[in-house]
């Protein structure tokens, strides 16, 4: 039996793909989103100042 996978994409306002994370199908959506944003922020720290705001909002939603 083959494992199921999910593809998580982060896109910009034009729909251009910025980051792709592939996980098992049972991975938590919230944790994968936080992980993908963290990777994106590390790779493009200088040009993605807005990601900090998104990260803070997401962190508040996930961790209360």
N, C-alpha and C. Protein backbone atom coordinates (compact mmCIF):
# COMPACT_ATOMS: atom_id res chain seq x y z
N UNK A 1 0.84 -1.18 0.00
CA UNK A 1 0.00 0.00 0.00
C UNK A 1 0.89 1.25 0.00
N UNK A 2 0.65 2.13 -0.93
CA UNK A 2 1.46 3.35 -1.05
C UNK A 2 1.04 4.38 -0.03
N UNK A 3 2.00 5.15 0.44
CA UNK A 3 1.70 6.23 1.39
C UNK A 3 1.06 7.40 0.67
N UNK A 4 0.14 8.04 1.33
CA UNK A 4 -0.49 9.23 0.77
C UNK A 4 0.35 10.44 1.16
N UNK A 5 0.39 11.42 0.27
CA UNK A 5 1.16 12.63 0.54
C UNK A 5 0.29 13.86 0.31
N UNK A 6 0.70 14.97 0.92
CA UNK A 6 0.08 16.27 0.69
C UNK A 6 1.15 17.22 0.21
N UNK A 7 0.75 18.13 -0.64
CA UNK A 7 1.63 19.19 -1.09
C UNK A 7 1.10 20.50 -0.55
N UNK A 8 1.92 21.22 0.19
CA UNK A 8 1.54 22.49 0.77
C UNK A 8 2.29 23.58 0.03
N UNK A 9 1.56 24.56 -0.47
CA UNK A 9 2.16 25.63 -1.26
C UNK A 9 1.96 26.98 -0.58
N UNK A 10 2.99 27.82 -0.66
CA UNK A 10 2.85 29.22 -0.29
C UNK A 10 3.03 29.99 -1.58
N UNK A 11 2.03 30.82 -1.89
CA UNK A 11 2.07 31.61 -3.12
C UNK A 11 1.98 33.09 -2.79
N UNK A 12 2.45 33.92 -3.74
CA UNK A 12 2.32 35.36 -3.55
C UNK A 12 0.97 35.82 -4.10
N UNK A 13 0.76 37.13 -4.12
CA UNK A 13 -0.55 37.66 -4.53
C UNK A 13 -0.84 37.43 -6.01
N UNK A 14 0.18 37.07 -6.79
CA UNK A 14 -0.02 36.76 -8.21
C UNK A 14 -0.19 35.26 -8.45
N UNK A 15 -0.08 34.49 -7.39
CA UNK A 15 -0.21 33.05 -7.53
C UNK A 15 1.10 32.34 -7.84
N UNK A 16 2.20 33.07 -7.81
CA UNK A 16 3.50 32.47 -8.07
C UNK A 16 3.95 31.70 -6.82
N UNK A 17 4.46 30.51 -7.05
CA UNK A 17 4.85 29.64 -5.95
C UNK A 17 6.13 30.15 -5.30
N UNK A 18 6.08 30.34 -3.98
CA UNK A 18 7.25 30.77 -3.21
C UNK A 18 7.90 29.61 -2.47
N UNK A 19 7.08 28.66 -2.00
CA UNK A 19 7.60 27.54 -1.22
C UNK A 19 6.68 26.34 -1.37
N UNK A 20 7.27 25.16 -1.47
CA UNK A 20 6.52 23.90 -1.52
C UNK A 20 7.05 23.00 -0.42
N UNK A 21 6.15 22.41 0.36
CA UNK A 21 6.51 21.43 1.38
C UNK A 21 5.65 20.20 1.13
N UNK A 22 6.29 19.04 1.03
CA UNK A 22 5.57 17.79 0.81
C UNK A 22 5.63 16.98 2.11
N UNK A 23 4.46 16.53 2.58
CA UNK A 23 4.38 15.78 3.83
C UNK A 23 3.51 14.54 3.64
N UNK A 24 3.48 13.74 4.70
CA UNK A 24 2.53 12.63 4.73
C UNK A 24 1.13 13.21 4.84
N UNK A 25 0.14 12.46 4.42
CA UNK A 25 -1.24 12.95 4.41
C UNK A 25 -1.78 13.25 5.80
N UNK A 26 -1.25 12.61 6.82
CA UNK A 26 -1.78 12.81 8.16
C UNK A 26 -1.08 13.94 8.92
N UNK A 27 -0.24 14.72 8.26
CA UNK A 27 0.47 15.84 8.90
C UNK A 27 -0.51 16.95 9.26
N UNK A 28 -0.27 17.60 10.38
CA UNK A 28 -1.11 18.70 10.84
C UNK A 28 -0.97 19.91 9.93
N UNK A 29 -2.09 20.43 9.46
CA UNK A 29 -2.07 21.60 8.57
C UNK A 29 -1.42 22.79 9.26
N UNK A 30 -1.74 23.01 10.51
CA UNK A 30 -1.20 24.16 11.25
C UNK A 30 0.31 24.07 11.40
N UNK A 31 0.79 22.89 11.76
CA UNK A 31 2.23 22.74 11.96
C UNK A 31 2.99 22.86 10.65
N UNK A 32 2.45 22.30 9.58
CA UNK A 32 3.11 22.39 8.29
C UNK A 32 3.12 23.84 7.80
N UNK A 33 2.04 24.57 8.02
CA UNK A 33 2.00 25.99 7.62
C UNK A 33 3.06 26.78 8.38
N UNK A 34 3.17 26.54 9.68
CA UNK A 34 4.17 27.23 10.48
C UNK A 34 5.58 26.87 10.00
N UNK A 35 5.81 25.61 9.72
CA UNK A 35 7.12 25.15 9.25
C UNK A 35 7.46 25.77 7.89
N UNK A 36 6.49 25.77 6.97
CA UNK A 36 6.73 26.34 5.64
C UNK A 36 7.03 27.83 5.71
N UNK A 37 6.29 28.55 6.55
CA UNK A 37 6.56 29.98 6.72
C UNK A 37 7.93 30.23 7.33
N UNK A 38 8.31 29.38 8.27
CA UNK A 38 9.63 29.51 8.89
C UNK A 38 10.73 29.31 7.84
N UNK A 39 10.60 28.29 7.01
CA UNK A 39 11.58 28.05 5.95
C UNK A 39 11.63 29.21 4.96
N UNK A 40 10.46 29.69 4.59
CA UNK A 40 10.38 30.80 3.64
C UNK A 40 11.05 32.04 4.22
N UNK A 41 10.79 32.31 5.46
CA UNK A 41 11.37 33.49 6.11
C UNK A 41 12.89 33.38 6.18
N UNK A 42 13.41 32.19 6.48
CA UNK A 42 14.86 31.99 6.53
C UNK A 42 15.51 32.18 5.17
N UNK A 43 14.86 31.71 4.12
CA UNK A 43 15.44 31.79 2.78
C UNK A 43 15.40 33.20 2.21
N UNK A 44 14.35 33.95 2.51
CA UNK A 44 14.17 35.27 1.91
C UNK A 44 13.99 36.35 2.97
N UNK A 45 14.79 36.31 4.01
CA UNK A 45 14.62 37.21 5.15
C UNK A 45 14.62 38.68 4.77
N UNK A 46 15.49 39.08 3.89
CA UNK A 46 15.60 40.50 3.54
C UNK A 46 14.39 41.00 2.75
N UNK A 47 13.84 40.17 1.91
CA UNK A 47 12.76 40.63 1.03
C UNK A 47 11.35 40.28 1.54
N UNK A 48 11.26 39.59 2.65
CA UNK A 48 9.95 39.16 3.14
C UNK A 48 9.64 39.72 4.52
N UNK A 49 9.69 41.00 4.68
CA UNK A 49 9.42 41.61 5.97
C UNK A 49 7.97 41.39 6.41
N UNK A 50 7.07 41.23 5.46
CA UNK A 50 5.66 41.02 5.78
C UNK A 50 5.40 39.64 6.38
N UNK A 51 6.29 38.69 6.12
CA UNK A 51 6.10 37.34 6.64
C UNK A 51 6.11 37.36 8.16
N UNK A 52 6.85 38.29 8.76
CA UNK A 52 6.89 38.39 10.22
C UNK A 52 5.48 38.60 10.78
N UNK A 53 4.73 39.46 10.13
CA UNK A 53 3.37 39.73 10.58
C UNK A 53 2.53 38.46 10.44
N UNK A 54 2.62 37.78 9.31
CA UNK A 54 1.88 36.53 9.11
C UNK A 54 2.30 35.48 10.13
N UNK A 55 3.59 35.40 10.41
CA UNK A 55 4.09 34.43 11.37
C UNK A 55 3.51 34.70 12.75
N UNK A 56 3.46 35.97 13.14
CA UNK A 56 2.92 36.31 14.46
C UNK A 56 1.44 35.97 14.54
N UNK A 57 0.69 36.25 13.50
CA UNK A 57 -0.73 35.92 13.48
C UNK A 57 -0.92 34.41 13.56
N UNK A 58 -0.16 33.67 12.76
CA UNK A 58 -0.27 32.21 12.76
C UNK A 58 0.14 31.64 14.11
N UNK A 59 1.20 32.16 14.69
CA UNK A 59 1.64 31.67 15.99
C UNK A 59 0.57 31.88 17.05
N UNK A 60 -0.09 33.04 17.00
CA UNK A 60 -1.15 33.30 17.95
C UNK A 60 -2.32 32.36 17.77
N UNK A 61 -2.63 32.01 16.54
CA UNK A 61 -3.72 31.07 16.28
C UNK A 61 -3.36 29.66 16.76
N UNK A 62 -2.12 29.24 16.52
CA UNK A 62 -1.71 27.88 16.85
C UNK A 62 -1.45 27.72 18.34
N UNK A 63 -0.72 28.67 18.91
CA UNK A 63 -0.28 28.51 20.30
C UNK A 63 -1.07 29.33 21.30
N UNK A 64 -2.02 30.11 20.82
CA UNK A 64 -2.91 30.85 21.69
C UNK A 64 -2.25 32.03 22.29
